[in-house]
C-alpha atoms as a PDB file:
ATOM      1  CA  UNK A   1      13.938  69.519 -19.909  1.00  0.00           C
ATOM      2  CA  UNK A   2      12.063  72.057 -17.927  1.00  0.00           C
ATOM      3  CA  UNK A   3      11.729  75.466 -19.357  1.00  0.00           C
ATOM      4  CA  UNK A   4      11.154  78.559 -17.171  1.00  0.00           C
ATOM      5  CA  UNK A   5       7.822  79.884 -17.309  1.00  0.00           C
ATOM      6  CA  UNK A   6       8.858  83.190 -18.902  1.00  0.00           C
ATOM      7  CA  UNK A   7      10.199  80.855 -21.848  1.00  0.00           C
ATOM      8  CA  UNK A   8       6.930  78.451 -22.292  1.00  0.00           C
ATOM      9  CA  UNK A   9       4.918  81.007 -24.272  1.00  0.00           C
ATOM     10  CA  UNK A  10       7.866  80.233 -26.770  1.00  0.00           C
ATOM     11  CA  UNK A  11       7.557  76.592 -26.414  1.00  0.00           C
ATOM     12  CA  UNK A  12       4.128  76.649 -27.617  1.00  0.00           C
ATOM     13  CA  UNK A  13       5.106  78.348 -30.055  1.00  0.00           C
ATOM     14  CA  UNK A  14       8.029  77.013 -31.445  1.00  0.00           C
ATOM     15  CA  UNK A  15       5.791  73.476 -31.050  1.00  0.00           C
ATOM     16  CA  UNK A  16       3.023  75.237 -32.911  1.00  0.00           C
ATOM     17  CA  UNK A  17       5.179  75.501 -35.715  1.00  0.00           C
ATOM     18  CA  UNK A  18       7.661  73.231 -35.439  1.00  0.00           C
ATOM     19  CA  UNK A  19       4.011  70.802 -36.312  1.00  0.00           C
ATOM     20  CA  UNK A  20       3.297  72.862 -38.997  1.00  0.00           C
ATOM     21  CA  UNK A  21       6.163  71.942 -40.719  1.00  0.00           C
ATOM     22  CA  UNK A  22       5.984  68.205 -39.978  1.00  0.00           C
ATOM     23  CA  UNK A  23       1.768  69.095 -41.523  1.00  0.00           C
ATOM     24  CA  UNK A  24       3.701  69.944 -44.938  1.00  0.00           C
ATOM     25  CA  UNK A  25       6.483  68.010 -44.807  1.00  0.00           C
ATOM     26  CA  UNK A  26       6.947  65.243 -47.915  1.00  0.00           C
ATOM     27  CA  UNK A  27       5.418  61.660 -46.703  1.00  0.00           C
ATOM     28  CA  UNK A  28       8.933  60.119 -47.032  1.00  0.00           C
ATOM     29  CA  UNK A  29      10.005  62.339 -43.695  1.00  0.00           C
ATOM     30  CA  UNK A  30       8.799  59.714 -41.291  1.00  0.00           C
ATOM     31  CA  UNK A  31      10.857  60.171 -38.314  1.00  0.00           C
ATOM     32  CA  UNK A  32       8.675  63.702 -37.883  1.00  0.00           C
ATOM     33  CA  UNK A  33       5.502  64.170 -36.546  1.00  0.00           C
ATOM     34  CA  UNK A  34       3.215  63.282 -33.211  1.00  0.00           C
ATOM     35  CA  UNK A  35       3.794  60.350 -31.915  1.00  0.00           C
ATOM     36  CA  UNK A  36       0.288  58.689 -30.168  1.00  0.00           C
ATOM     37  CA  UNK A  37       1.133  57.228 -26.289  1.00  0.00           C
ATOM     38  CA  UNK A  38       3.266  53.971 -26.970  1.00  0.00           C
ATOM     39  CA  UNK A  39       3.806  54.582 -30.969  1.00  0.00           C
ATOM     40  CA  UNK A  40       7.455  56.064 -30.696  1.00  0.00           C
ATOM     41  CA  UNK A  41      10.373  54.190 -30.852  1.00  0.00           C
ATOM     42  CA  UNK A  42      13.482  55.316 -30.238  1.00  0.00           C
ATOM     43  CA  UNK A  43      16.858  53.164 -31.003  1.00  0.00           C
ATOM     44  CA  UNK A  44      14.565  50.292 -30.939  1.00  0.00           C
ATOM     45  CA  UNK A  45      12.684  50.626 -27.785  1.00  0.00           C
ATOM     46  CA  UNK A  46       8.791  51.370 -27.194  1.00  0.00           C
ATOM     47  CA  UNK A  47       8.363  54.503 -25.448  1.00  0.00           C
ATOM     48  CA  UNK A  48       5.952  55.947 -23.317  1.00  0.00           C
ATOM     49  CA  UNK A  49       5.206  58.296 -20.600  1.00  0.00           C
ATOM     50  CA  UNK A  50       1.091  57.943 -20.010  1.00  0.00           C
ATOM     51  CA  UNK A  51      -0.877  59.519 -21.372  1.00  0.00           C
ATOM     52  CA  UNK A  52       1.749  62.260 -23.028  1.00  0.00           C
ATOM     53  CA  UNK A  53       1.806  62.738 -26.975  1.00  0.00           C
ATOM     54  CA  UNK A  54       5.455  63.578 -28.675  1.00  0.00           C
ATOM     55  CA  UNK A  55       6.103  65.677 -30.606  1.00  0.00           C
ATOM     56  CA  UNK A  56       9.427  64.414 -33.385  1.00  0.00           C
ATOM     57  CA  UNK A  57      10.380  67.840 -35.481  1.00  0.00           C
ATOM     58  CA  UNK A  58      13.854  68.139 -36.654  1.00  0.00           C
ATOM     59  CA  UNK A  59      12.963  72.182 -36.345  1.00  0.00           C
ATOM     60  CA  UNK A  60      12.934  72.044 -32.467  1.00  0.00           C
ATOM     61  CA  UNK A  61      15.633  73.884 -30.973  1.00  0.00           C
ATOM     62  CA  UNK A  62      16.485  71.444 -27.870  1.00  0.00           C
ATOM     63  CA  UNK A  63      17.902  68.183 -28.132  1.00  0.00           C
ATOM     64  CA  UNK A  64      14.336  67.530 -25.960  1.00  0.00           C
ATOM     65  CA  UNK A  65      11.564  69.496 -24.277  1.00  0.00           C
ATOM     66  CA  UNK A  66       8.636  69.069 -21.968  1.00  0.00           C
ATOM     67  CA  UNK A  67       5.306  70.853 -21.446  1.00  0.00           C
ATOM     68  CA  UNK A  68       2.417  69.831 -19.815  1.00  0.00           C
ATOM     69  CA  UNK A  69       0.760  66.907 -22.331  1.00  0.00           C
ATOM     70  CA  UNK A  70       3.689  66.996 -24.797  1.00  0.00           C
ATOM     71  CA  UNK A  71       7.081  65.476 -24.664  1.00  0.00           C
ATOM     72  CA  UNK A  72       9.361  67.836 -28.027  1.00  0.00           C
ATOM     73  CA  UNK A  73      12.052  66.193 -29.819  1.00  0.00           C
ATOM     74  CA  UNK A  74      14.711  66.884 -32.076  1.00  0.00           C
ATOM     75  CA  UNK A  75      16.067  63.550 -34.240  1.00  0.00           C
ATOM     76  CA  UNK A  76      18.704  65.243 -35.362  1.00  0.00           C
ATOM     77  CA  UNK A  77      19.836  66.560 -32.390  1.00  0.00           C
ATOM     78  CA  UNK A  78      19.163  63.409 -30.066  1.00  0.00           C
ATOM     79  CA  UNK A  79      20.665  60.685 -32.938  1.00  0.00           C
ATOM     80  CA  UNK A  80      24.106  62.264 -31.538  1.00  0.00           C
ATOM     81  CA  UNK A  81      24.137  60.365 -28.374  1.00  0.00           C
ATOM     82  CA  UNK A  82      24.208  57.164 -27.842  1.00  0.00           C
ATOM     83  CA  UNK A  83      20.750  54.714 -27.374  1.00  0.00           C
ATOM     84  CA  UNK A  84      20.966  54.867 -23.430  1.00  0.00           C
ATOM     85  CA  UNK A  85      21.267  58.589 -23.508  1.00  0.00           C
ATOM     86  CA  UNK A  86      19.071  58.576 -25.984  1.00  0.00           C
ATOM     87  CA  UNK A  87      16.367  56.858 -23.855  1.00  0.00           C
ATOM     88  CA  UNK A  88      17.387  58.765 -20.875  1.00  0.00           C
ATOM     89  CA  UNK A  89      16.690  62.077 -22.463  1.00  0.00           C
ATOM     90  CA  UNK A  90      13.003  60.784 -23.378  1.00  0.00           C
ATOM     91  CA  UNK A  91      12.748  59.347 -19.975  1.00  0.00           C
ATOM     92  CA  UNK A  92      14.058  62.914 -18.179  1.00  0.00           C
ATOM     93  CA  UNK A  93      11.394  64.743 -20.215  1.00  0.00           C
ATOM     94  CA  UNK A  94       8.612  62.401 -18.941  1.00  0.00           C
ATOM     95  CA  UNK A  95       9.696  62.560 -15.486  1.00  0.00           C
ATOM     96  CA  UNK A  96       8.666  66.724 -16.015  1.00  0.00           C
ATOM     97  CA  UNK A  97       5.048  65.085 -16.971  1.00  0.00           C
ATOM     98  CA  UNK A  98       5.425  63.147 -13.622  1.00  0.00           C
ATOM     99  CA  UNK A  99       7.246  65.563 -10.961  1.00  0.00           C
ATOM    100  CA  UNK A 100       6.847  68.775 -12.323  1.00  0.00           C
ATOM    101  CA  UNK A 101       9.687  71.518 -13.419  1.00  0.00           C
ATOM    102  CA  UNK A 102      12.444  70.433 -11.445  1.00  0.00           C
ATOM    103  CA  UNK A 103      15.381  69.088 -13.245  1.00  0.00           C
ATOM    104  CA  UNK A 104      16.550  67.385 -10.330  1.00  0.00           C
ATOM    105  CA  UNK A 105      13.418  65.423  -9.904  1.00  0.00           C
ATOM    106  CA  UNK A 106      13.259  64.624 -13.268  1.00  0.00           C
ATOM    107  CA  UNK A 107      16.950  63.295 -13.294  1.00  0.00           C
ATOM    108  CA  UNK A 108      15.912  61.104 -10.464  1.00  0.00           C
ATOM    109  CA  UNK A 109      12.592  59.726 -11.915  1.00  0.00           C
ATOM    110  CA  UNK A 110      14.330  59.491 -14.920  1.00  0.00           C
ATOM    111  CA  UNK A 111      16.974  57.216 -13.115  1.00  0.00           C
ATOM    112  CA  UNK A 112      14.812  55.147 -11.565  1.00  0.00           C
ATOM    113  CA  UNK A 113      12.620  54.345 -14.033  1.00  0.00           C
ATOM    114  CA  UNK A 114      15.387  52.972 -16.287  1.00  0.00           C
ATOM    115  CA  UNK A 115      16.744  51.074 -13.860  1.00  0.00           C
ATOM    116  CA  UNK A 116      13.000  49.816 -12.658  1.00  0.00           C
ATOM    117  CA  UNK A 117      13.046  49.172 -16.409  1.00  0.00           C
ATOM    118  CA  UNK A 118      15.634  47.543 -17.126  1.00  0.00           C
ATOM    119  CA  UNK A 119      17.596  49.486 -19.687  1.00  0.00           C
ATOM    120  CA  UNK A 120      19.578  51.321 -17.530  1.00  0.00           C
ATOM    121  CA  UNK A 121      22.799  49.979 -15.709  1.00  0.00           C
ATOM    122  CA  UNK A 122      25.470  50.931 -13.661  1.00  0.00           C
ATOM    123  CA  UNK A 123      27.857  51.109 -17.030  1.00  0.00           C
ATOM    124  CA  UNK A 124      25.003  53.156 -18.953  1.00  0.00           C
ATOM    125  CA  UNK A 125      24.588  55.749 -15.828  1.00  0.00           C
ATOM    126  CA  UNK A 126      28.353  55.907 -16.173  1.00  0.00           C
ATOM    127  CA  UNK A 127      27.692  56.885 -20.002  1.00  0.00           C
ATOM    128  CA  UNK A 128      25.513  59.497 -18.818  1.00  0.00           C
ATOM    129  CA  UNK A 129      27.899  60.890 -16.548  1.00  0.00           C
ATOM    130  CA  UNK A 130      30.689  61.690 -18.744  1.00  0.00           C
ATOM    131  CA  UNK A 131      28.507  63.478 -21.162  1.00  0.00           C
ATOM    132  CA  UNK A 132      27.370  65.594 -18.486  1.00  0.00           C
ATOM    133  CA  UNK A 133      30.016  66.026 -16.464  1.00  0.00           C
ATOM    134  CA  UNK A 134      31.733  69.281 -17.442  1.00  0.00           C
ATOM    135  CA  UNK A 135      28.185  70.908 -18.390  1.00  0.00           C
ATOM    136  CA  UNK A 136      28.196  74.096 -16.465  1.00  0.00           C
ATOM    137  CA  UNK A 137      24.725  74.942 -14.186  1.00  0.00           C
ATOM    138  CA  UNK A 138      22.478  76.494 -16.582  1.00  0.00           C
ATOM    139  CA  UNK A 139      19.447  78.130 -15.910  1.00  0.00           C
ATOM    140  CA  UNK A 140      17.247  75.547 -13.866  1.00  0.00           C
ATOM    141  CA  UNK A 141      19.763  73.551 -14.854  1.00  0.00           C
ATOM    142  CA  UNK A 142      22.806  72.469 -12.185  1.00  0.00           C
ATOM    143  CA  UNK A 143      25.651  71.705 -13.388  1.00  0.00           C
ATOM    144  CA  UNK A 144      26.730  67.973 -14.806  1.00  0.00           C
ATOM    145  CA  UNK A 145      28.767  66.680 -11.714  1.00  0.00           C
ATOM    146  CA  UNK A 146      25.659  67.318  -9.680  1.00  0.00           C
ATOM    147  CA  UNK A 147      23.144  66.222 -12.209  1.00  0.00           C
ATOM    148  CA  UNK A 148      25.447  63.456 -12.081  1.00  0.00           C
ATOM    149  CA  UNK A 149      25.525  62.947  -8.296  1.00  0.00           C
ATOM    150  CA  UNK A 150      21.507  63.163  -8.000  1.00  0.00           C
ATOM    151  CA  UNK A 151      20.939  60.047 -10.986  1.00  0.00           C
ATOM    152  CA  UNK A 152      23.676  57.748  -8.915  1.00  0.00           C
ATOM    153  CA  UNK A 153      21.822  58.397  -5.225  1.00  0.00           C
ATOM    154  CA  UNK A 154      18.121  57.571  -7.496  1.00  0.00           C
ATOM    155  CA  UNK A 155      19.733  54.605  -9.655  1.00  0.00           C
END
């Protein structure tokens, strides 16, 4: 998910406070933390976005977000989705690292990448589209049906 320029400062502050909260949490909070590239495992799959680190924090207000050089994920919100959807969320955020702020380009890149890596099949894309189908357009995001068309076209 891409954040409008006016919200970048808020995202940096949230990531800072999320990181601070992670640093002062007890050691048993293993899911939250800052993960080096390739060290994050989501639903059994190691996730990597080049040299980009991932901040996983239960304090993060969105399921996922991306700023240059950092992906943010909320594990409590992420676990509400199927494993294919979780991988797509991470890969969509990685798409922002690769293609910039455009939600359309991030969706397209994520769809292509998931298909190329072999974890996104037509059945998984259909499930993602079922989840998105009634989402309204919001901010920089097109509505769910449009996002689905983009992902299918890029698949």
